Amino acid sequence: MPSRRQIREAVVQFLYCADLEGGADPSELREPFWQFVTESDRKALVLATWKSLRHFATGREERYDELLGRLPAAREALAGDADLERPASLLERIATLEHEWSSRLHSLSNLRRDDDPDLVTERFTEGIEKLFSIDRDLSAARTEFLRTLDDHPGLRPKLEPVAGSLNRLGRISERLKQLEHPEEFPEQGDLKKILSSKTSIAKLRSETDRIVDAVLAVKPQLDEQLDGVIENFAPERIDPIDRAILRLGAWEILHNPDVPNPVAINEAVELAKKFGTTDSGRFVNGILDRIAKG
């Protein structure tokens, strides 16, 4: 889970970006901001997902080859009978999707990982999401095909081999569903790292957005309070990063009773030391101390 410090740093970065001269509207800034801030974490997550996906797919090619070897007999059993048009159509769709699945895995295996981090993340994310989409369609088609066999019990002996292959391939799809939605399978120990990373990224964004929205909602009032303690106050005359830190600190002091004032001030000073100038820490400390004392 992201620490309070990480969340506050993200808040300050967002407020800083949103408040620069000619800066973007906060709602328009949000997506590109998070793409930038979480770039390295998203790359690590997507590559870990790919590593697990490749592991889960071990042995799939053998099962796919087995299916290909059994398809001709299944097609022959379904041919020439109008009553079997639906299962025949489903079997052809399955064959197409199985081929697409294998092709997508092959494409992912050949992607470069030493390019620009954002480009690597984008390529792997797109490829993995497409494979997940194919697998969802494939699982649905397999399920429906196997269900249609119940309507034609006389065909079962002839289609049992291909049904067996589909069931074996289906077990890999069950693992992929767990990988796509690890939050639904917390008991799976081999997915805990991916779940933790995925949850952490989502939590950082949700908590940061929540605080940013709260600060922006009362920004005029915060500036009014700052005006009362800073001589010749004008937001544009203060360094943008100091301005962002002061607004966050003032919001916590005035509108967030869950955080004691000394804690809010000390944390704001640490942010100023990290992001601001040599004098930012003393400046922020003095201003927020006066805000706290009313």
C-alpha atoms as a PDB file:
ATOM      1  CA  MET A   1       0.000   0.000   0.000  1.00  0.00           C
ATOM      2  CA  PRO A   2       1.233   3.545  -0.696  1.00  0.00           C
ATOM      3  CA  SER A   3       2.492   5.448   2.325  1.00  0.00           C
ATOM      4  CA  ARG A   4       1.040   8.731   3.485  1.00  0.00           C
ATOM      5  CA  ARG A   5       4.256  10.393   2.323  1.00  0.00           C
ATOM      6  CA  GLN A   6       3.850   8.983  -1.198  1.00  0.00           C
ATOM      7  CA  ILE A   7       0.269  10.204  -1.361  1.00  0.00           C
ATOM      8  CA  ARG A   8       1.176  13.694  -0.158  1.00  0.00           C
ATOM      9  CA  GLU A   9       4.054  13.923  -2.626  1.00  0.00           C
ATOM     10  CA  ALA A  10       1.680  12.996  -5.453  1.00  0.00           C
ATOM     11  CA  VAL A  11      -0.829  15.598  -4.252  1.00  0.00           C
ATOM     12  CA  VAL A  12       1.827  18.320  -4.269  1.00  0.00           C
ATOM     13  CA  GLN A  13       3.016  17.298  -7.723  1.00  0.00           C
ATOM     14  CA  PHE A  14      -0.517  17.429  -9.094  1.00  0.00           C
ATOM     15  CA  LEU A  15      -1.298  20.803  -7.479  1.00  0.00           C
ATOM     16  CA  TYR A  16       1.982  22.141  -8.829  1.00  0.00           C
ATOM     17  CA  CYS A  17       1.264  20.942 -12.390  1.00  0.00           C
ATOM     18  CA  ALA A  18      -2.327  22.187 -12.305  1.00  0.00           C
ATOM     19  CA  ASP A  19      -1.316  25.646 -11.042  1.00  0.00           C
ATOM     20  CA  LEU A  20       1.502  26.537 -13.405  1.00  0.00           C
ATOM     21  CA  GLU A  21       0.921  29.559 -15.580  1.00  0.00           C
ATOM     22  CA  GLY A  22      -1.244  28.435 -18.447  1.00  0.00           C
ATOM     23  CA  GLY A  23      -1.611  25.008 -16.833  1.00  0.00           C
ATOM     24  CA  ALA A  24      -4.215  22.525 -17.945  1.00  0.00           C
ATOM     25  CA  ASP A  25      -7.647  22.181 -16.425  1.00  0.00           C
ATOM     26  CA  PRO A  26      -7.295  19.715 -13.503  1.00  0.00           C
ATOM     27  CA  SER A  27      -9.783  17.286 -15.060  1.00  0.00           C
ATOM     28  CA  GLU A  28      -7.827  17.277 -18.336  1.00  0.00           C
ATOM     29  CA  LEU A  29      -4.510  16.926 -16.530  1.00  0.00           C
ATOM     30  CA  ARG A  30      -5.467  13.873 -14.488  1.00  0.00           C
ATOM     31  CA  GLU A  31      -4.872  11.097 -17.028  1.00  0.00           C
ATOM     32  CA  PRO A  32      -1.518  12.305 -18.422  1.00  0.00           C
ATOM     33  CA  PHE A  33      -0.386  13.098 -14.874  1.00  0.00           C
ATOM     34  CA  TRP A  34      -1.045   9.544 -13.694  1.00  0.00           C
ATOM     35  CA  GLN A  35       0.513   8.071 -16.813  1.00  0.00           C
ATOM     36  CA  PHE A  36       3.704   9.939 -15.920  1.00  0.00           C
ATOM     37  CA  VAL A  37       3.699   9.434 -12.150  1.00  0.00           C
ATOM     38  CA  THR A  38       3.052   5.684 -12.259  1.00  0.00           C
ATOM     39  CA  GLU A  39       5.192   4.941 -15.309  1.00  0.00           C
ATOM     40  CA  SER A  40       7.832   2.811 -13.585  1.00  0.00           C
ATOM     41  CA  ASP A  41       5.307   1.041 -11.339  1.00  0.00           C
ATOM     42  CA  ARG A  42       3.057   0.236 -14.285  1.00  0.00           C
ATOM     43  CA  LYS A  43       5.977  -1.136 -16.279  1.00  0.00           C
ATOM     44  CA  ALA A  44       6.988  -3.391 -13.375  1.00  0.00           C
ATOM     45  CA  LEU A  45       3.380  -4.563 -12.961  1.00  0.00           C
ATOM     46  CA  VAL A  46       2.784  -5.301 -16.629  1.00  0.00           C
ATOM     47  CA  LEU A  47       6.063  -7.212 -16.965  1.00  0.00           C
ATOM     48  CA  ALA A  48       5.263  -9.226 -13.828  1.00  0.00           C
ATOM     49  CA  THR A  49       1.842  -9.981 -15.331  1.00  0.00           C
ATOM     50  CA  TRP A  50       3.490 -11.086 -18.558  1.00  0.00           C
ATOM     51  CA  LYS A  51       5.909 -13.332 -16.660  1.00  0.00           C
ATOM     52  CA  SER A  52       3.010 -15.020 -14.859  1.00  0.00           C
ATOM     53  CA  LEU A  53       0.979 -15.288 -18.056  1.00  0.00           C
ATOM     54  CA  ARG A  54       3.833 -17.014 -19.831  1.00  0.00           C
ATOM     55  CA  HIS A  55       4.218 -19.391 -16.883  1.00  0.00           C
ATOM     56  CA  PHE A  56       0.488 -20.210 -16.846  1.00  0.00           C
ATOM     57  CA  ALA A  57       0.619 -20.888 -20.587  1.00  0.00           C
ATOM     58  CA  THR A  58       3.294 -23.563 -20.186  1.00  0.00           C
ATOM     59  CA  GLY A  59       2.141 -26.654 -22.046  1.00  0.00           C
ATOM     60  CA  ARG A  60      -0.589 -24.834 -23.922  1.00  0.00           C
ATOM     61  CA  GLU A  61       0.998 -25.314 -27.335  1.00  0.00           C
ATOM     62  CA  GLU A  62       0.976 -29.082 -26.819  1.00  0.00           C
ATOM     63  CA  ARG A  63      -2.708 -28.955 -25.885  1.00  0.00           C
ATOM     64  CA  TYR A  64      -3.406 -26.720 -28.884  1.00  0.00           C
ATOM     65  CA  ASP A  65      -1.575 -29.101 -31.223  1.00  0.00           C
ATOM     66  CA  GLU A  66      -3.624 -31.933 -29.760  1.00  0.00           C
ATOM     67  CA  LEU A  67      -6.812 -30.005 -30.556  1.00  0.00           C
ATOM     68  CA  LEU A  68      -5.669 -29.355 -34.119  1.00  0.00           C
ATOM     69  CA  GLY A  69      -5.099 -33.071 -34.583  1.00  0.00           C
ATOM     70  CA  ARG A  70      -8.622 -33.864 -33.390  1.00  0.00           C
ATOM     71  CA  LEU A  71     -10.484 -31.146 -35.293  1.00  0.00           C
ATOM     72  CA  PRO A  72     -10.820 -32.978 -38.648  1.00  0.00           C
ATOM     73  CA  ALA A  73     -12.713 -35.905 -37.091  1.00  0.00           C
ATOM     74  CA  ALA A  74     -14.957 -33.515 -35.147  1.00  0.00           C
ATOM     75  CA  ARG A  75     -15.698 -31.481 -38.263  1.00  0.00           C
ATOM     76  CA  GLU A  76     -16.584 -34.628 -40.166  1.00  0.00           C
ATOM     77  CA  ALA A  77     -18.967 -35.705 -37.402  1.00  0.00           C
ATOM     78  CA  LEU A  78     -20.759 -32.334 -37.567  1.00  0.00           C
ATOM     79  CA  ALA A  79     -20.847 -31.947 -41.337  1.00  0.00           C
ATOM     80  CA  GLY A  80     -23.917 -32.256 -43.521  1.00  0.00           C
ATOM     81  CA  ASP A  81     -26.604 -32.059 -40.834  1.00  0.00           C
ATOM     82  CA  ALA A  82     -28.641 -28.865 -40.509  1.00  0.00           C
ATOM     83  CA  ASP A  83     -29.443 -29.700 -36.890  1.00  0.00           C
ATOM     84  CA  LEU A  84     -25.722 -29.537 -36.115  1.00  0.00           C
ATOM     85  CA  GLU A  85     -25.140 -26.139 -37.672  1.00  0.00           C
ATOM     86  CA  ARG A  86     -24.803 -24.408 -34.294  1.00  0.00           C
ATOM     87  CA  PRO A  87     -22.131 -26.699 -32.777  1.00  0.00           C
ATOM     88  CA  ALA A  88     -20.305 -26.759 -36.121  1.00  0.00           C
ATOM     89  CA  SER A  89     -20.262 -22.955 -36.200  1.00  0.00           C
ATOM     90  CA  LEU A  90     -19.060 -22.795 -32.593  1.00  0.00           C
ATOM     91  CA  LEU A  91     -16.265 -25.247 -33.298  1.00  0.00           C
ATOM     92  CA  GLU A  92     -15.011 -23.103 -36.168  1.00  0.00           C
ATOM     93  CA  ARG A  93     -15.111 -20.012 -33.976  1.00  0.00           C
ATOM     94  CA  ILE A  94     -13.148 -21.862 -31.309  1.00  0.00           C
ATOM     95  CA  ALA A  95     -10.544 -22.917 -33.884  1.00  0.00           C
ATOM     96  CA  THR A  96     -10.162 -19.293 -35.043  1.00  0.00           C
ATOM     97  CA  LEU A  97      -9.859 -17.935 -31.498  1.00  0.00           C
ATOM     98  CA  GLU A  98      -7.392 -20.636 -30.469  1.00  0.00           C
ATOM     99  CA  HIS A  99      -5.199 -19.605 -33.399  1.00  0.00           C
ATOM    100  CA  GLU A 100      -5.503 -15.923 -32.452  1.00  0.00           C
ATOM    101  CA  TRP A 101      -4.585 -16.799 -28.850  1.00  0.00           C
ATOM    102  CA  SER A 102      -1.382 -18.562 -29.910  1.00  0.00           C
ATOM    103  CA  SER A 103      -0.480 -15.772 -32.341  1.00  0.00           C
ATOM    104  CA  ARG A 104      -0.955 -13.127 -29.676  1.00  0.00           C
ATOM    105  CA  LEU A 105       1.257 -15.028 -27.233  1.00  0.00           C
ATOM    106  CA  HIS A 106       3.927 -15.334 -29.902  1.00  0.00           C
ATOM    107  CA  SER A 107       3.751 -11.575 -30.607  1.00  0.00           C
ATOM    108  CA  LEU A 108       4.112 -10.767 -26.916  1.00  0.00           C
ATOM    109  CA  SER A 109       7.125 -13.061 -26.662  1.00  0.00           C
ATOM    110  CA  ASN A 110       8.864 -11.069 -29.393  1.00  0.00           C
ATOM    111  CA  LEU A 111       8.236  -7.600 -27.935  1.00  0.00           C
ATOM    112  CA  ARG A 112      11.336  -5.645 -26.932  1.00  0.00           C
ATOM    113  CA  ARG A 113      11.760  -4.634 -23.312  1.00  0.00           C
ATOM    114  CA  ASP A 114      14.736  -2.275 -23.657  1.00  0.00           C
ATOM    115  CA  ASP A 115      12.881   0.573 -25.390  1.00  0.00           C
ATOM    116  CA  ASP A 116      11.460   3.668 -23.731  1.00  0.00           C
ATOM    117  CA  PRO A 117       9.724   2.527 -20.484  1.00  0.00           C
ATOM    118  CA  ASP A 118       6.417   4.141 -21.392  1.00  0.00           C
ATOM    119  CA  LEU A 119       6.480   2.528 -24.841  1.00  0.00           C
ATOM    120  CA  VAL A 120       7.279  -0.886 -23.335  1.00  0.00           C
ATOM    121  CA  THR A 121       4.399  -0.518 -20.876  1.00  0.00           C
ATOM    122  CA  GLU A 122       2.001   0.550 -23.624  1.00  0.00           C
ATOM    123  CA  ARG A 123       2.915  -2.322 -25.939  1.00  0.00           C
ATOM    124  CA  PHE A 124       2.746  -5.033 -23.292  1.00  0.00           C
ATOM    125  CA  THR A 125      -0.435  -3.616 -21.765  1.00  0.00           C
ATOM    126  CA  GLU A 126      -2.174  -3.532 -25.143  1.00  0.00           C
ATOM    127  CA  GLY A 127      -0.978  -7.030 -26.033  1.00  0.00           C
ATOM    128  CA  ILE A 128      -1.940  -8.592 -22.709  1.00  0.00           C
ATOM    129  CA  GLU A 129      -5.351  -6.908 -22.670  1.00  0.00           C
ATOM    130  CA  LYS A 130      -6.008  -8.189 -26.196  1.00  0.00           C
ATOM    131  CA  LEU A 131      -5.022 -11.715 -25.166  1.00  0.00           C
ATOM    132  CA  PHE A 132      -7.309 -11.513 -22.123  1.00  0.00           C
ATOM    133  CA  SER A 133     -10.130 -10.376 -24.423  1.00  0.00           C
ATOM    134  CA  ILE A 134      -9.526 -13.275 -26.810  1.00  0.00           C
ATOM    135  CA  ASP A 135      -9.433 -15.697 -23.888  1.00  0.00           C
ATOM    136  CA  ARG A 136     -12.761 -14.427 -22.529  1.00  0.00           C
ATOM    137  CA  ASP A 137     -14.413 -14.951 -25.913  1.00  0.00           C
ATOM    138  CA  LEU A 138     -12.750 -18.333 -26.211  1.00  0.00           C
ATOM    139  CA  SER A 139     -13.932 -19.479 -22.785  1.00  0.00           C
ATOM    140  CA  ALA A 140     -17.501 -18.484 -23.632  1.00  0.00           C
ATOM    141  CA  ALA A 141     -17.366 -20.301 -26.978  1.00  0.00           C
ATOM    142  CA  ARG A 142     -15.901 -23.448 -25.409  1.00  0.00           C
ATOM    143  CA  THR A 143     -18.584 -23.474 -22.709  1.00  0.00           C
ATOM    144  CA  GLU A 144     -21.394 -23.027 -25.217  1.00  0.00           C
ATOM    145  CA  PHE A 145     -20.005 -25.712 -27.537  1.00  0.00           C
ATOM    146  CA  LEU A 146     -19.702 -28.248 -24.730  1.00  0.00           C
ATOM    147  CA  ARG A 147     -23.229 -27.383 -23.602  1.00  0.00           C
ATOM    148  CA  THR A 148     -24.634 -28.063 -27.090  1.00  0.00           C
ATOM    149  CA  LEU A 149     -23.329 -31.618 -26.851  1.00  0.00           C
ATOM    150  CA  ASP A 150     -25.959 -32.290 -24.192  1.00  0.00           C
ATOM    151  CA  ASP A 151     -28.597 -31.731 -26.892  1.00  0.00           C
ATOM    152  CA  HIS A 152     -26.985 -34.363 -29.112  1.00  0.00           C
ATOM    153  CA  PRO A 153     -26.009 -37.295 -26.857  1.00  0.00           C
ATOM    154  CA  GLY A 154     -25.510 -39.566 -29.832  1.00  0.00           C
ATOM    155  CA  LEU A 155     -22.595 -37.399 -30.986  1.00  0.00           C
ATOM    156  CA  ARG A 156     -20.711 -37.563 -27.699  1.00  0.00           C
ATOM    157  CA  PRO A 157     -18.549 -40.587 -28.535  1.00  0.00           C
ATOM    158  CA  LYS A 158     -17.373 -38.950 -31.767  1.00  0.00           C
ATOM    159  CA  LEU A 159     -16.759 -35.543 -30.152  1.00  0.00           C
ATOM    160  CA  GLU A 160     -15.322 -36.754 -26.853  1.00  0.00           C
ATOM    161  CA  PRO A 161     -11.689 -36.385 -28.029  1.00  0.00           C
ATOM    162  CA  VAL A 162     -12.129 -32.750 -29.098  1.00  0.00           C
ATOM    163  CA  ALA A 163     -14.152 -32.031 -25.937  1.00  0.00           C
ATOM    164  CA  GLY A 164     -11.269 -33.395 -23.874  1.00  0.00           C
ATOM    165  CA  SER A 165      -8.829 -31.061 -25.616  1.00  0.00           C
ATOM    166  CA  LEU A 166     -11.130 -28.087 -25.027  1.00  0.00           C
ATOM    167  CA  ASN A 167     -11.416 -28.931 -21.325  1.00  0.00           C
ATOM    168  CA  ARG A 168      -7.628 -29.105 -21.006  1.00  0.00           C
ATOM    169  CA  LEU A 169      -7.235 -25.749 -22.741  1.00  0.00           C
ATOM    170  CA  GLY A 170     -10.011 -24.397 -20.537  1.00  0.00           C
ATOM    171  CA  ARG A 171      -7.962 -25.053 -17.410  1.00  0.00           C
ATOM    172  CA  ILE A 172      -5.361 -22.603 -18.668  1.00  0.00           C
ATOM    173  CA  SER A 173      -8.106 -20.047 -19.266  1.00  0.00           C
ATOM    174  CA  GLU A 174      -9.205 -20.458 -15.654  1.00  0.00           C
ATOM    175  CA  ARG A 175      -5.706 -19.459 -14.549  1.00  0.00           C
ATOM    176  CA  LEU A 176      -5.736 -16.473 -16.888  1.00  0.00           C
ATOM    177  CA  LYS A 177      -8.988 -15.279 -15.356  1.00  0.00           C
ATOM    178  CA  GLN A 178      -7.256 -15.301 -11.973  1.00  0.00           C
ATOM    179  CA  LEU A 179      -4.355 -13.329 -13.431  1.00  0.00           C
ATOM    180  CA  GLU A 180      -6.664 -10.771 -15.035  1.00  0.00           C
ATOM    181  CA  HIS A 181      -8.644 -10.275 -11.815  1.00  0.00           C
ATOM    182  CA  PRO A 182      -6.298 -11.212  -8.927  1.00  0.00           C
ATOM    183  CA  GLU A 183      -8.478  -9.246  -6.510  1.00  0.00           C
ATOM    184  CA  GLU A 184     -11.165 -11.905  -6.944  1.00  0.00           C
ATOM    185  CA  PHE A 185      -8.740 -14.678  -5.976  1.00  0.00           C
ATOM    186  CA  PRO A 186      -6.841 -13.428  -2.900  1.00  0.00           C
ATOM    187  CA  GLU A 187      -6.142 -17.007  -1.835  1.00  0.00           C
ATOM    188  CA  GLN A 188      -3.824 -17.549  -4.821  1.00  0.00           C
ATOM    189  CA  GLY A 189      -0.360 -17.147  -3.309  1.00  0.00           C
ATOM    190  CA  ASP A 190       1.449 -16.905  -6.654  1.00  0.00           C
ATOM    191  CA  LEU A 191      -0.618 -13.817  -7.517  1.00  0.00           C
ATOM    192  CA  LYS A 192      -0.102 -11.897  -4.263  1.00  0.00           C
ATOM    193  CA  LYS A 193       2.720  -9.729  -5.594  1.00  0.00           C
ATOM    194  CA  ILE A 194       0.728  -8.739  -8.666  1.00  0.00           C
ATOM    195  CA  LEU A 195      -2.366  -8.083  -6.559  1.00  0.00           C
ATOM    196  CA  SER A 196      -0.352  -5.953  -4.142  1.00  0.00           C
ATOM    197  CA  SER A 197       1.175  -3.874  -6.953  1.00  0.00           C
ATOM    198  CA  LYS A 198      -2.143  -3.438  -8.734  1.00  0.00           C
ATOM    199  CA  THR A 199      -3.896  -2.432  -5.517  1.00  0.00           C
ATOM    200  CA  SER A 200      -1.106  -0.052  -4.538  1.00  0.00           C
ATOM    201  CA  ILE A 201      -1.249   1.841  -7.847  1.00  0.00           C
ATOM    202  CA  ALA A 202      -5.043   2.120  -7.639  1.00  0.00           C
ATOM    203  CA  LYS A 203      -4.915   3.203  -3.976  1.00  0.00           C
ATOM    204  CA  LEU A 204      -2.282   5.869  -4.654  1.00  0.00           C
ATOM    205  CA  ARG A 205      -4.443   7.354  -7.368  1.00  0.00           C
ATOM    206  CA  SER A 206      -7.744   7.205  -5.490  1.00  0.00           C
ATOM    207  CA  GLU A 207      -6.324   8.733  -2.289  1.00  0.00           C
ATOM    208  CA  THR A 208      -4.394  11.407  -4.172  1.00  0.00           C
ATOM    209  CA  ASP A 209      -7.419  12.350  -6.278  1.00  0.00           C
ATOM    210  CA  ARG A 210      -9.570  12.514  -3.150  1.00  0.00           C
ATOM    211  CA  ILE A 211      -7.238  14.977  -1.416  1.00  0.00           C
ATOM    212  CA  VAL A 212      -6.624  16.998  -4.579  1.00  0.00           C
ATOM    213  CA  ASP A 213     -10.373  17.417  -5.105  1.00  0.00           C
ATOM    214  CA  ALA A 214     -10.814  18.483  -1.483  1.00  0.00           C
ATOM    215  CA  VAL A 215      -8.025  21.082  -1.728  1.00  0.00           C
ATOM    216  CA  LEU A 216      -9.258  22.476  -5.063  1.00  0.00           C
ATOM    217  CA  ALA A 217     -12.806  22.726  -3.718  1.00  0.00           C
ATOM    218  CA  VAL A 218     -11.693  25.270  -1.088  1.00  0.00           C
ATOM    219  CA  LYS A 219      -8.712  26.839  -2.867  1.00  0.00           C
ATOM    220  CA  PRO A 220     -10.134  30.399  -2.751  1.00  0.00           C
ATOM    221  CA  GLN A 221     -10.677  30.108   1.010  1.00  0.00           C
ATOM    222  CA  LEU A 222      -7.189  28.685   1.504  1.00  0.00           C
ATOM    223  CA  ASP A 223      -5.673  31.578  -0.439  1.00  0.00           C
ATOM    224  CA  GLU A 224      -7.687  33.981   1.689  1.00  0.00           C
ATOM    225  CA  GLN A 225      -6.253  32.421   4.856  1.00  0.00           C
ATOM    226  CA  LEU A 226      -2.737  32.573   3.435  1.00  0.00           C
ATOM    227  CA  ASP A 227      -3.317  36.196   2.478  1.00  0.00           C
ATOM    228  CA  GLY A 228      -3.994  36.908   6.150  1.00  0.00           C
ATOM    229  CA  VAL A 229      -0.560  35.767   7.292  1.00  0.00           C
ATOM    230  CA  ILE A 230       1.710  36.517   4.305  1.00  0.00           C
ATOM    231  CA  GLU A 231       2.580  40.152   3.773  1.00  0.00           C
ATOM    232  CA  ASN A 232       1.798  41.339   0.242  1.00  0.00           C
ATOM    233  CA  PHE A 233       0.369  37.915  -0.532  1.00  0.00           C
ATOM    234  CA  ALA A 234      -0.422  37.063  -4.109  1.00  0.00           C
ATOM    235  CA  PRO A 235      -0.408  33.435  -5.237  1.00  0.00           C
ATOM    236  CA  GLU A 236       1.524  34.230  -8.404  1.00  0.00           C
ATOM    237  CA  ARG A 237       4.374  35.811  -6.400  1.00  0.00           C
ATOM    238  CA  ILE A 238       5.110  32.618  -4.459  1.00  0.00           C
ATOM    239  CA  ASP A 239       7.178  29.797  -5.928  1.00  0.00           C
ATOM    240  CA  PRO A 240       4.683  27.337  -7.499  1.00  0.00           C
ATOM    241  CA  ILE A 241       5.935  24.345  -5.522  1.00  0.00           C
ATOM    242  CA  ASP A 242       5.839  26.285  -2.238  1.00  0.00           C
ATOM    243  CA  ARG A 243       2.339  27.415  -3.159  1.00  0.00           C
ATOM    244  CA  ALA A 244       1.202  23.831  -3.666  1.00  0.00           C
ATOM    245  CA  ILE A 245       2.703  22.727  -0.347  1.00  0.00           C
ATOM    246  CA  LEU A 246       1.163  25.663   1.523  1.00  0.00           C
ATOM    247  CA  ARG A 247      -2.278  24.938   0.123  1.00  0.00           C
ATOM    248  CA  LEU A 248      -2.043  21.283   1.089  1.00  0.00           C
ATOM    249  CA  GLY A 249      -0.725  22.126   4.559  1.00  0.00           C
ATOM    250  CA  ALA A 250      -3.344  24.835   5.122  1.00  0.00           C
ATOM    251  CA  TRP A 251      -6.099  22.437   3.990  1.00  0.00           C
ATOM    252  CA  GLU A 252      -4.962  19.795   6.470  1.00  0.00           C
ATOM    253  CA  ILE A 253      -4.794  22.311   9.312  1.00  0.00           C
ATOM    254  CA  LEU A 254      -8.146  23.936   8.557  1.00  0.00           C
ATOM    255  CA  HIS A 255     -10.197  21.114   7.044  1.00  0.00           C
ATOM    256  CA  ASN A 256      -8.736  17.764   8.084  1.00  0.00           C
ATOM    257  CA  PRO A 257      -9.204  17.137  11.813  1.00  0.00           C
ATOM    258  CA  ASP A 258      -7.789  13.610  11.463  1.00  0.00           C
ATOM    259  CA  VAL A 259      -4.257  15.021  11.152  1.00  0.00           C
ATOM    260  CA  PRO A 260      -2.792  16.887  14.182  1.00  0.00           C
ATOM    261  CA  ASN A 261      -1.475  20.328  13.273  1.00  0.00           C
ATOM    262  CA  PRO A 262       2.150  19.588  14.266  1.00  0.00           C
ATOM    263  CA  VAL A 263       2.108  16.525  12.013  1.00  0.00           C
ATOM    264  CA  ALA A 264       0.674  18.503   9.088  1.00  0.00           C
ATOM    265  CA  ILE A 265       3.307  21.211   9.531  1.00  0.00           C
ATOM    266  CA  ASN A 266       6.245  18.826   9.924  1.00  0.00           C
ATOM    267  CA  GLU A 267       5.216  16.832   6.867  1.00  0.00           C
ATOM    268  CA  ALA A 268       4.772  20.026   4.831  1.00  0.00           C
ATOM    269  CA  VAL A 269       8.275  21.113   5.831  1.00  0.00           C
ATOM    270  CA  GLU A 270       9.680  17.761   4.678  1.00  0.00           C
ATOM    271  CA  LEU A 271       7.916  18.192   1.347  1.00  0.00           C
ATOM    272  CA  ALA A 272       9.359  21.693   1.033  1.00  0.00           C
ATOM    273  CA  LYS A 273      12.868  20.404   1.717  1.00  0.00           C
ATOM    274  CA  LYS A 274      12.456  17.732  -0.962  1.00  0.00           C
ATOM    275  CA  PHE A 275      10.760  19.760  -3.681  1.00  0.00           C
ATOM    276  CA  GLY A 276      11.484  23.392  -2.860  1.00  0.00           C
ATOM    277  CA  THR A 277      14.467  25.721  -2.563  1.00  0.00           C
ATOM    278  CA  THR A 278      16.955  26.067   0.273  1.00  0.00           C
ATOM    279  CA  ASP A 279      14.661  28.495   2.100  1.00  0.00           C
ATOM    280  CA  SER A 280      11.389  26.672   1.392  1.00  0.00           C
ATOM    281  CA  GLY A 281      11.385  24.622   4.608  1.00  0.00           C
ATOM    282  CA  ARG A 282      11.687  27.659   6.903  1.00  0.00           C
ATOM    283  CA  PHE A 283       9.195  29.629   4.820  1.00  0.00           C
ATOM    284  CA  VAL A 284       6.557  26.884   4.861  1.00  0.00           C
ATOM    285  CA  ASN A 285       7.101  26.209   8.563  1.00  0.00           C
ATOM    286  CA  GLY A 286       6.590  29.846   9.503  1.00  0.00           C
ATOM    287  CA  ILE A 287       3.456  30.338   7.410  1.00  0.00           C
ATOM    288  CA  LEU A 288       1.705  27.160   8.470  1.00  0.00           C
ATOM    289  CA  ASP A 289       2.583  27.720  12.131  1.00  0.00           C
ATOM    290  CA  ARG A 290       0.781  31.049  11.962  1.00  0.00           C
ATOM    291  CA  ILE A 291      -2.190  29.436  10.188  1.00  0.00           C
ATOM    292  CA  ALA A 292      -2.402  26.820  12.951  1.00  0.00           C
ATOM    293  CA  LYS A 293      -2.330  29.446  15.670  1.00  0.00           C
ATOM    294  CA  GLY A 294      -5.151  31.315  13.961  1.00  0.00           C
END
